[in-house]
Amino acid sequence: MSTEALNKLPTTVAKSTEQSGGHASITAIGQGRVHVIRDDAEAIDVATALAAAFAPGAALRDRERRLPVAELRQLRLSGLWGITVPREYGGAGVSYATLARVFAILSAADGSIGQIPQNHYFILEIIRHEGSEAQKQFFFERVLAGDHFGNALVEPDVRRPEDRKVSLRRDGEGYRVDVRKYYSTGALFADWVPVAVADEEKRHFLAIYPRTAEGLRVVDDWASFGQRTTASGTVIADNAYLKPEWLVPHSVNADHVKPVGPVGQIMHAGIDTGIARAAFEATVAFIRQRNPKADDAPAEAVWEEDQLSIREIGDLAVSLHGTEALLDRAGLLIDRAYASDLAADWTRAAIAVSEVRAASTHSALLITNKLFELAGTRSTAPDHGLDRLWRDARTHTLHDPVRWRLFDVGNYYVNDKVPLRRPKWAEQPNQPKAMPEGPEPLTGEPPQPRLAAGL
């Protein structure tokens, strides 16, 4: 799908869906008919076209903190939200190697836009494994219509998911929820906001609210120096009523690797890999621009650059390509685990994902730093907007401490240990801290949200 074709999606998608059968009659809640992507190749083509459309404005959106409302509307109409919906429910059911590549492609264009879909696909994975048949049919159909999940999972001052405060109580046939969340990436733009809750028996659920539900507030108070336009701020549920059919079980402990873990983490690896790719290409382009060839130089003439800098570019290329290979490998191992459903295969998939999480963290930080070292002082000028790449990489790599990924890998190879939740001895009591790490959440009475409507 070309960029030109992508720009025409609002007028052409209706025809394509009418011809495609299956879910052709679905109408989105927002404006416009939504395309339904049919296979892996089309998903990559659509992501590539979207990335080409998003990249030119990424630096300006970051500099002025312009929320990517129009870009997410394009993403909605493209059908990309629905690519992991299983085929038996009308979706493409793409491979997880493809999903990881989609994240790398989008994140190379804009590290903020690349982050926003992560929770959407993560929530879809939970519904796939723990939702009832009726919930699967309902939510999968809504996603194929273009609906988007945000998230409200992390509570300030709660270190582990299993330690969430009691926030869910019965009210007649339904429920009431009282809780405050932070790091709520995508909630401001979403149609649905899944809120992680616990009842008095310490059972865990997702309370999936329409974003405009009474008693639910989404506050744009995200203030990080990187990934500035993800709107990863506060969600407040204040005695918010929930229909019983919108409560999905979400177990947080297990004695084996669950699919949602590796799937959630490989998307994060894709984000860092994409940022690393963008920084590598920017480094090479800046060096070539700094020392251009003469107009009359033969085609085989080389760019004049000091040999040590050329050697450093080679080192960055090895790091990047190794990370991209590990990303593909991890995705294929998740696909294999889904096919076999063997615990041993899920363990291998989880270890492969931990390996690429470590590698992508290293590559993203290395290359975004080397960009300035090799490109020189001129590269720091605000007009280039290259600092965005380092800030996005530094912010996102804090999402999940890489030291624990390396511990999981080493513990597996040395002690044959399955990578589950952190060992109890590693916890530090009486030091509550929200996870993942990042800017401190808002306290006190929140301001009114900047954006009051979804897409």
Protein backbone atom coordinates (compact mmCIF):
# COMPACT_ATOMS: atom_id res chain seq x y z
CA MET A 1 0.00 0.00 0.00
CA SER A 2 1.58 3.26 -1.11
CA THR A 3 1.45 6.53 0.83
CA GLU A 4 -0.86 7.89 -1.85
CA ALA A 5 -3.21 4.95 -1.37
CA LEU A 6 -3.05 5.41 2.38
CA ASN A 7 -4.16 9.02 2.06
CA LYS A 8 -7.22 7.84 0.16
CA LEU A 9 -8.28 5.28 2.78
CA PRO A 10 -11.30 7.23 4.08
CA THR A 11 -12.92 7.12 0.62
CA THR A 12 -11.71 3.74 -0.65
CA VAL A 13 -12.01 1.52 2.40
CA ALA A 14 -15.80 1.25 2.19
CA LYS A 15 -15.50 -0.34 -1.26
CA SER A 16 -12.76 -2.73 -0.17
CA THR A 17 -14.70 -3.91 2.87
CA GLU A 18 -17.86 -4.45 0.85
CA GLN A 19 -15.90 -6.72 -1.48
CA SER A 20 -14.05 -8.60 1.26
CA GLY A 21 -16.96 -10.37 2.96
CA GLY A 22 -16.76 -11.45 6.60
CA HIS A 23 -16.88 -8.25 8.62
CA ALA A 24 -17.81 -5.99 5.70
CA SER A 25 -20.90 -4.71 7.50
CA ILE A 26 -19.02 -3.42 10.55
CA THR A 27 -19.20 0.35 11.01
CA ALA A 28 -16.72 2.19 13.19
CA ILE A 29 -17.85 4.30 16.14
CA GLY A 30 -15.73 7.13 14.76
CA GLN A 31 -16.00 8.65 11.30
CA GLY A 32 -15.17 6.62 8.20
CA ARG A 33 -15.23 2.98 7.19
CA VAL A 34 -12.29 0.89 8.39
CA HIS A 35 -10.18 -1.32 6.17
CA VAL A 36 -9.69 -4.96 7.19
CA ILE A 37 -6.11 -6.19 6.71
CA ARG A 38 -6.02 -9.79 5.47
CA ASP A 39 -2.48 -11.12 5.92
CA ASP A 40 1.06 -10.50 7.18
CA ALA A 41 2.36 -8.99 3.95
CA GLU A 42 -0.44 -6.42 3.87
CA ALA A 43 0.17 -5.55 7.53
CA ILE A 44 3.83 -4.77 6.77
CA ASP A 45 2.86 -2.75 3.69
CA VAL A 46 0.32 -0.70 5.65
CA ALA A 47 2.75 -0.08 8.53
CA THR A 48 5.43 1.01 6.06
CA ALA A 49 3.06 3.45 4.37
CA LEU A 50 1.91 4.86 7.70
CA ALA A 51 5.51 5.28 8.86
CA ALA A 52 6.37 7.19 5.68
CA ALA A 53 3.42 9.51 6.35
CA PHE A 54 4.21 9.99 10.05
CA ALA A 55 7.99 10.51 9.94
CA PRO A 56 8.18 14.02 8.42
CA GLY A 57 6.17 15.60 11.24
CA ALA A 58 7.65 13.63 14.15
CA ALA A 59 10.20 16.24 15.24
CA LEU A 60 7.65 19.07 15.18
CA ARG A 61 5.07 17.04 17.11
CA ASP A 62 7.73 16.31 19.71
CA ARG A 63 9.00 19.89 19.92
CA GLU A 64 5.55 21.43 20.32
CA ARG A 65 3.98 18.41 22.03
CA ARG A 66 1.28 18.12 19.40
CA LEU A 67 -0.74 15.04 20.21
CA PRO A 68 -0.95 12.70 17.18
CA VAL A 69 -4.73 12.78 16.83
CA ALA A 70 -4.78 12.95 13.03
CA GLU A 71 -2.09 10.27 12.74
CA LEU A 72 -4.01 7.88 14.98
CA ARG A 73 -7.11 8.48 12.89
CA GLN A 74 -5.10 7.34 9.86
CA LEU A 75 -3.94 4.31 11.81
CA ARG A 76 -7.55 3.50 12.70
CA LEU A 77 -8.76 3.71 9.11
CA SER A 78 -5.84 1.60 7.86
CA GLY A 79 -7.08 -1.43 9.81
CA LEU A 80 -3.82 -1.91 11.69
CA TRP A 81 -5.58 -2.10 15.07
CA GLY A 82 -7.10 -5.43 14.06
CA ILE A 83 -4.10 -7.38 12.76
CA THR A 84 -3.81 -9.70 15.79
CA VAL A 85 -7.52 -10.57 15.91
CA PRO A 86 -7.59 -14.35 15.26
CA ARG A 87 -8.65 -15.44 11.81
CA GLU A 88 -11.62 -17.36 13.13
CA TYR A 89 -12.99 -14.00 14.32
CA GLY A 90 -12.39 -12.23 11.01
CA GLY A 91 -8.92 -10.78 11.60
CA ALA A 92 -5.56 -11.38 9.93
CA GLY A 93 -4.12 -13.25 12.91
CA VAL A 94 -0.62 -12.13 11.90
CA SER A 95 2.46 -13.86 13.24
CA TYR A 96 4.23 -12.37 16.23
CA ALA A 97 7.36 -11.92 14.12
CA THR A 98 5.23 -9.67 11.91
CA LEU A 99 3.79 -7.82 14.92
CA ALA A 100 7.30 -7.09 16.20
CA ARG A 101 8.32 -5.78 12.77
CA VAL A 102 5.26 -3.51 12.68
CA PHE A 103 6.37 -1.94 15.96
CA ALA A 104 9.91 -1.46 14.70
CA ILE A 105 8.64 0.17 11.49
CA LEU A 106 6.30 2.60 13.26
CA SER A 107 8.82 3.43 16.00
CA ALA A 108 11.53 4.26 13.48
CA ALA A 109 9.19 6.97 12.22
CA ASP A 110 7.99 8.24 15.61
CA GLY A 111 8.86 6.69 18.96
CA SER A 112 5.72 8.08 20.56
CA ILE A 113 3.29 6.78 17.96
CA GLY A 114 5.15 3.47 18.07
CA GLN A 115 4.48 3.18 21.81
CA ILE A 116 0.73 3.92 21.73
CA PRO A 117 -0.41 0.61 20.13
CA GLN A 118 1.50 -1.59 22.61
CA ASN A 119 -1.18 -1.68 25.28
CA HIS A 120 -3.89 -2.13 22.63
CA TYR A 121 -2.40 -5.42 21.41
CA PHE A 122 -1.55 -6.45 24.98
CA ILE A 123 -5.20 -6.08 26.01
CA LEU A 124 -6.29 -8.04 22.94
CA GLU A 125 -3.96 -10.84 24.04
CA ILE A 126 -5.55 -10.94 27.51
CA ILE A 127 -9.04 -11.07 26.01
CA ARG A 128 -7.92 -13.86 23.68
CA HIS A 129 -6.72 -16.01 26.57
CA GLU A 130 -8.99 -15.10 29.48
CA GLY A 131 -12.12 -13.53 28.01
CA SER A 132 -15.37 -15.43 27.60
CA GLU A 133 -16.54 -16.40 24.13
CA ALA A 134 -19.09 -13.59 24.21
CA GLN A 135 -16.39 -11.09 25.21
CA LYS A 136 -14.10 -12.27 22.42
CA GLN A 137 -16.82 -11.92 19.82
CA PHE A 138 -17.83 -8.46 21.04
CA PHE A 139 -14.41 -6.88 21.51
CA PHE A 140 -12.79 -8.48 18.46
CA GLU A 141 -15.61 -7.16 16.31
CA ARG A 142 -15.24 -3.68 17.79
CA VAL A 143 -11.49 -3.73 17.08
CA LEU A 144 -12.08 -4.77 13.48
CA ALA A 145 -14.41 -1.77 13.30
CA GLY A 146 -11.47 0.43 14.28
CA ASP A 147 -11.81 0.65 18.05
CA HIS A 148 -8.65 1.16 20.08
CA PHE A 149 -7.79 0.07 23.63
CA GLY A 150 -5.84 2.36 25.91
CA ASN A 151 -4.78 1.20 29.36
CA ALA A 152 -4.96 2.03 33.04
CA LEU A 153 -2.88 -0.70 34.64
CA VAL A 154 -0.30 0.85 36.96
CA GLU A 155 -1.15 2.31 40.37
CA PRO A 156 1.17 4.86 41.98
CA ASP A 157 2.93 3.45 45.06
CA VAL A 158 2.06 -0.17 44.21
CA ARG A 159 5.21 -2.12 43.42
CA ARG A 160 3.77 -5.36 42.02
CA PRO A 161 0.50 -6.09 40.22
CA GLU A 162 -0.48 -8.69 42.83
CA ASP A 163 -0.32 -5.95 45.49
CA ARG A 164 -2.99 -3.78 43.91
CA LYS A 165 -5.42 -2.21 46.33
CA VAL A 166 -9.02 -3.40 46.50
CA SER A 167 -10.84 -1.28 43.94
CA LEU A 168 -13.71 -3.45 42.65
CA ARG A 169 -16.97 -4.00 44.49
CA ARG A 170 -20.37 -5.38 43.58
CA ASP A 171 -23.30 -3.09 42.85
CA GLY A 172 -26.41 -5.04 41.91
CA GLU A 173 -25.77 -6.91 38.69
CA GLY A 174 -22.72 -4.81 37.91
CA TYR A 175 -19.71 -3.32 39.68
CA ARG A 176 -18.27 -0.06 40.96
CA VAL A 177 -14.60 0.89 40.68
CA ASP A 178 -12.62 3.46 42.67
CA VAL A 179 -8.96 3.73 41.71
CA ARG A 180 -6.31 6.09 40.38
CA LYS A 181 -3.83 4.98 37.71
CA TYR A 182 -0.78 6.40 35.95
CA TYR A 183 1.35 5.60 32.86
CA SER A 184 -1.96 5.23 31.02
CA THR A 185 -0.52 5.25 27.50
CA GLY A 186 -3.13 5.68 24.81
CA ALA A 187 -6.09 6.18 27.14
CA LEU A 188 -6.57 9.78 26.07
CA PHE A 189 -7.04 8.69 22.44
CA ALA A 190 -8.84 5.40 23.03
CA ASP A 191 -12.38 4.14 22.59
CA TRP A 192 -11.99 1.72 25.52
CA VAL A 193 -9.94 2.08 28.71
CA PRO A 194 -9.14 -1.22 30.45
CA VAL A 195 -8.59 -0.57 34.17
CA ALA A 196 -6.70 -3.20 36.18
CA VAL A 197 -8.65 -3.90 39.39
CA ALA A 198 -8.68 -6.28 42.33
CA ASP A 199 -11.59 -7.42 44.50
CA GLU A 200 -11.64 -8.21 48.22
CA GLU A 201 -10.55 -11.79 47.52
CA LYS A 202 -7.49 -10.44 45.68
CA ARG A 203 -8.74 -11.72 42.36
CA HIS A 204 -7.59 -9.60 39.45
CA PHE A 205 -9.59 -8.35 36.47
CA LEU A 206 -9.68 -5.83 33.67
CA ALA A 207 -12.62 -3.47 33.97
CA ILE A 208 -13.01 -2.35 30.35
CA TYR A 209 -14.78 1.01 30.18
CA PRO A 210 -15.87 3.11 27.21
CA ARG A 211 -13.59 6.12 27.45
CA THR A 212 -16.55 8.45 27.88
CA ALA A 213 -18.07 6.40 30.75
CA GLU A 214 -19.53 8.35 33.65
CA GLY A 215 -17.12 8.41 36.58
CA LEU A 216 -14.03 7.82 34.40
CA ARG A 217 -11.56 10.70 33.91
CA VAL A 218 -8.55 10.71 31.61
CA VAL A 219 -6.06 13.45 32.46
CA ASP A 220 -3.32 14.70 30.16
CA ASP A 221 -0.58 15.18 32.77
CA TRP A 222 2.25 13.23 31.13
CA ALA A 223 5.47 15.27 31.49
CA SER A 224 8.43 13.14 30.42
CA PHE A 225 11.33 14.58 28.40
CA GLY A 226 10.96 11.69 25.94
CA GLN A 227 8.04 10.07 24.13
CA ARG A 228 6.32 13.35 24.82
CA THR A 229 3.15 12.72 22.81
CA THR A 230 2.07 9.33 24.17
CA ALA A 231 -0.21 11.08 26.71
CA SER A 232 0.77 8.44 29.29
CA GLY A 233 -0.89 10.28 32.16
CA THR A 234 -3.55 9.69 34.80
CA VAL A 235 -6.84 7.78 34.73
CA ILE A 236 -9.26 8.13 37.64
CA ALA A 237 -12.25 5.86 38.21
CA ASP A 238 -14.51 7.56 40.75
CA ASN A 239 -17.36 5.22 41.71
CA ALA A 240 -17.53 4.32 38.02
CA TYR A 241 -20.23 1.79 37.18
CA LEU A 242 -19.20 -1.22 35.09
CA LYS A 243 -21.47 -3.60 33.22
CA PRO A 244 -20.76 -7.23 34.16
CA GLU A 245 -20.02 -8.22 30.56
CA TRP A 246 -17.11 -5.77 30.49
CA LEU A 247 -15.22 -7.43 33.37
CA VAL A 248 -12.47 -9.74 32.04
CA PRO A 249 -10.40 -12.03 34.33
CA HIS A 250 -6.70 -11.24 34.39
CA SER A 251 -4.59 -13.56 36.52
CA VAL A 252 -1.22 -12.06 37.46
CA ASN A 253 0.57 -15.09 38.91
CA ALA A 254 1.38 -18.43 37.33
CA ASP A 255 3.78 -21.33 37.75
CA HIS A 256 4.59 -21.27 34.04
CA VAL A 257 5.18 -18.69 31.31
CA LYS A 258 1.90 -17.24 30.03
CA PRO A 259 1.64 -16.04 26.41
CA VAL A 260 0.74 -12.47 27.39
CA GLY A 261 4.18 -11.97 28.95
CA PRO A 262 6.41 -12.62 25.92
CA VAL A 263 3.90 -10.98 23.58
CA GLY A 264 3.78 -7.82 25.67
CA GLN A 265 7.57 -7.63 25.93
CA ILE A 266 8.43 -8.29 22.30
CA MET A 267 6.47 -5.19 21.34
CA HIS A 268 8.67 -3.13 23.66
CA ALA A 269 11.73 -4.66 22.01
CA GLY A 270 10.31 -3.65 18.64
CA ILE A 271 9.95 -0.04 19.81
CA ASP A 272 13.59 0.20 20.88
CA THR A 273 14.76 -1.58 17.72
CA GLY A 274 12.88 0.92 15.57
CA ILE A 275 14.38 3.89 17.41
CA ALA A 276 17.85 2.34 16.98
CA ARG A 277 17.23 1.93 13.25
CA ALA A 278 16.15 5.57 12.92
CA ALA A 279 19.24 6.77 14.80
CA PHE A 280 21.57 4.63 12.67
CA GLU A 281 20.13 5.98 9.42
CA ALA A 282 20.28 9.54 10.77
CA THR A 283 23.96 9.07 11.70
CA VAL A 284 24.94 7.85 8.25
CA ALA A 285 22.88 10.57 6.52
CA PHE A 286 24.40 13.34 8.64
CA ILE A 287 27.97 12.18 8.00
CA ARG A 288 27.32 11.99 4.25
CA GLN A 289 25.76 15.44 4.28
CA ARG A 290 28.68 16.89 6.25
CA ASN A 291 31.22 15.63 3.71
CA PRO A 292 29.35 15.51 0.39
CA LYS A 293 30.92 14.13 -2.75
CA ALA A 294 32.03 16.59 -5.38
CA ASP A 295 29.54 17.20 -8.15
CA ASP A 296 31.88 15.66 -10.72
CA ALA A 297 32.89 12.70 -8.53
CA PRO A 298 32.54 9.27 -10.17
CA ALA A 299 29.78 7.00 -8.90
CA GLU A 300 32.28 4.70 -7.20
CA ALA A 301 33.89 7.52 -5.20
CA VAL A 302 33.75 7.08 -1.45
CA TRP A 303 32.63 9.60 1.15
CA GLU A 304 35.62 11.22 2.77
CA GLU A 305 35.48 10.49 6.48
CA ASP A 306 38.10 9.56 9.03
CA GLN A 307 38.77 5.87 9.27
CA LEU A 308 37.91 5.65 12.97
CA SER A 309 34.43 7.08 12.36
CA ILE A 310 33.87 4.57 9.56
CA ARG A 311 34.93 1.81 11.93
CA GLU A 312 32.43 3.07 14.52
CA ILE A 313 29.64 3.00 11.91
CA GLY A 314 30.51 -0.63 11.28
CA ASP A 315 30.20 -1.37 14.99
CA LEU A 316 26.76 0.28 15.11
CA ALA A 317 25.63 -1.69 12.06
CA VAL A 318 26.60 -4.97 13.73
CA SER A 319 24.72 -4.03 16.90
CA LEU A 320 21.61 -2.98 14.99
CA HIS A 321 21.49 -5.98 12.67
CA GLY A 322 22.08 -8.35 15.56
CA THR A 323 19.16 -6.81 17.41
CA GLU A 324 16.91 -7.01 14.36
CA ALA A 325 17.82 -10.69 13.92
CA LEU A 326 17.07 -11.40 17.59
CA LEU A 327 13.72 -9.63 17.21
CA ASP A 328 12.75 -11.87 14.29
CA ARG A 329 13.97 -14.95 16.17
CA ALA A 330 11.95 -14.11 19.28
CA GLY A 331 8.82 -13.57 17.20
CA LEU A 332 9.24 -16.90 15.46
CA LEU A 333 9.71 -18.66 18.81
CA ILE A 334 6.46 -17.12 20.09
CA ASP A 335 4.76 -18.39 16.92
CA ARG A 336 6.23 -21.85 17.54
CA ALA A 337 5.03 -21.83 21.15
CA TYR A 338 1.52 -20.93 20.02
CA ALA A 339 1.59 -23.82 17.54
CA SER A 340 2.80 -26.41 20.07
CA ASP A 341 1.35 -24.93 23.29
CA LEU A 342 4.16 -26.67 25.18
CA ALA A 343 5.42 -25.11 28.41
CA ALA A 344 9.02 -25.69 27.32
CA ASP A 345 8.44 -23.77 24.10
CA TRP A 346 6.87 -20.88 25.99
CA THR A 347 9.91 -20.81 28.27
CA ARG A 348 12.24 -20.68 25.26
CA ALA A 349 10.13 -17.91 23.75
CA ALA A 350 10.26 -15.89 26.98
CA ILE A 351 14.05 -16.23 27.14
CA ALA A 352 14.40 -15.19 23.50
CA VAL A 353 12.27 -12.11 24.22
CA SER A 354 14.41 -11.25 27.25
CA GLU A 355 17.50 -11.53 25.05
CA VAL A 356 16.13 -9.11 22.48
CA ARG A 357 14.89 -6.76 25.19
CA ALA A 358 18.46 -6.56 26.47
CA ALA A 359 19.92 -6.23 22.97
CA SER A 360 17.43 -3.60 21.85
CA THR A 361 18.04 -1.54 24.98
CA HIS A 362 21.78 -1.67 24.34
CA SER A 363 21.44 -0.82 20.64
CA ALA A 364 19.00 2.04 21.15
CA LEU A 365 21.12 3.73 23.80
CA LEU A 366 24.41 3.05 22.03
CA ILE A 367 23.34 4.32 18.62
CA THR A 368 21.40 7.36 19.82
CA ASN A 369 24.50 8.40 21.81
CA LYS A 370 26.96 7.68 19.00
CA LEU A 371 24.80 9.72 16.62
CA PHE A 372 26.00 12.92 18.28
CA GLU A 373 29.54 11.75 18.86
CA LEU A 374 30.02 10.91 15.17
CA ALA A 375 27.87 13.65 13.64
CA GLY A 376 29.47 16.40 15.73
CA THR A 377 28.29 19.60 17.36
CA ARG A 378 26.17 20.66 14.40
CA SER A 379 23.90 17.66 14.98
CA THR A 380 22.74 19.16 18.30
CA ALA A 381 21.00 22.11 16.59
CA PRO A 382 17.28 22.11 17.44
CA ASP A 383 16.31 22.37 13.77
CA HIS A 384 17.52 18.81 13.18
CA GLY A 385 15.39 17.38 15.99
CA LEU A 386 17.84 14.50 16.49
CA ASP A 387 17.75 14.81 20.28
CA ARG A 388 14.23 13.34 20.08
CA LEU A 389 15.73 9.95 19.22
CA TRP A 390 17.96 9.87 22.30
CA ARG A 391 15.19 11.17 24.59
CA ASP A 392 12.70 8.60 23.27
CA ALA A 393 15.23 5.78 23.67
CA ARG A 394 16.28 6.85 27.16
CA THR A 395 12.66 7.15 28.30
CA HIS A 396 11.36 3.93 26.82
CA THR A 397 14.29 1.78 27.93
CA LEU A 398 13.37 2.67 31.52
CA HIS A 399 10.02 0.96 31.04
CA ASP A 400 11.33 -2.40 32.22
CA PRO A 401 14.73 -2.69 33.98
CA VAL A 402 17.02 -4.52 31.56
CA ARG A 403 19.04 -5.95 34.45
CA TRP A 404 16.13 -8.28 35.19
CA ARG A 405 15.98 -9.45 31.59
CA LEU A 406 19.68 -10.32 31.76
CA PHE A 407 19.12 -12.06 35.10
CA ASP A 408 16.34 -14.17 33.55
CA VAL A 409 18.59 -15.18 30.66
CA GLY A 410 21.54 -16.07 32.87
CA ASN A 411 19.39 -17.90 35.41
CA TYR A 412 17.85 -19.98 32.64
CA TYR A 413 21.15 -21.07 31.12
CA VAL A 414 22.96 -21.64 34.42
CA ASN A 415 20.17 -22.96 36.64
CA ASP A 416 17.45 -24.06 34.18
CA LYS A 417 15.05 -21.62 35.87
CA VAL A 418 11.81 -20.63 34.21
CA PRO A 419 11.54 -16.80 33.94
CA LEU A 420 8.54 -16.01 36.11
CA ARG A 421 7.97 -12.98 38.31
CA ARG A 422 10.80 -11.51 40.35
CA PRO A 423 12.12 -13.70 43.17
CA LYS A 424 10.78 -12.67 46.55
CA TRP A 425 14.26 -12.06 47.95
CA ALA A 426 14.78 -9.34 45.36
CA GLU A 427 11.91 -7.21 46.65
CA GLN A 428 12.76 -4.30 48.92
CA PRO A 429 9.96 -3.86 51.46
CA ASN A 430 8.79 -0.48 52.68
CA GLN A 431 9.99 1.20 49.51
CA PRO A 432 6.85 1.49 47.40
CA LYS A 433 7.43 2.62 43.87
CA ALA A 434 5.28 2.54 40.79
CA MET A 435 6.46 0.23 38.03
CA PRO A 436 7.47 0.80 35.34
CA GLU A 437 9.75 3.63 36.34
CA GLY A 438 9.27 7.09 34.86
CA PRO A 439 8.07 10.61 35.66
CA GLU A 440 6.19 11.00 38.91
CA PRO A 441 2.39 10.91 38.66
CA LEU A 442 0.16 13.85 39.42
CA THR A 443 -0.96 14.26 43.04
CA GLY A 444 -3.90 16.23 44.36
CA GLU A 445 -6.82 17.47 42.28
CA PRO A 446 -6.05 16.93 38.57
CA PRO A 447 -6.58 19.59 35.92
CA GLN A 448 -9.23 19.19 33.28
CA PRO A 449 -8.10 16.99 30.38
CA ARG A 450 -6.81 18.74 27.27
CA LEU A 451 -8.53 16.32 24.93
CA ALA A 452 -12.10 15.36 25.67
CA ALA A 453 -13.00 13.21 22.67
CA GLY A 454 -11.67 10.06 21.11
CA LEU A 455 -10.91 9.52 17.46
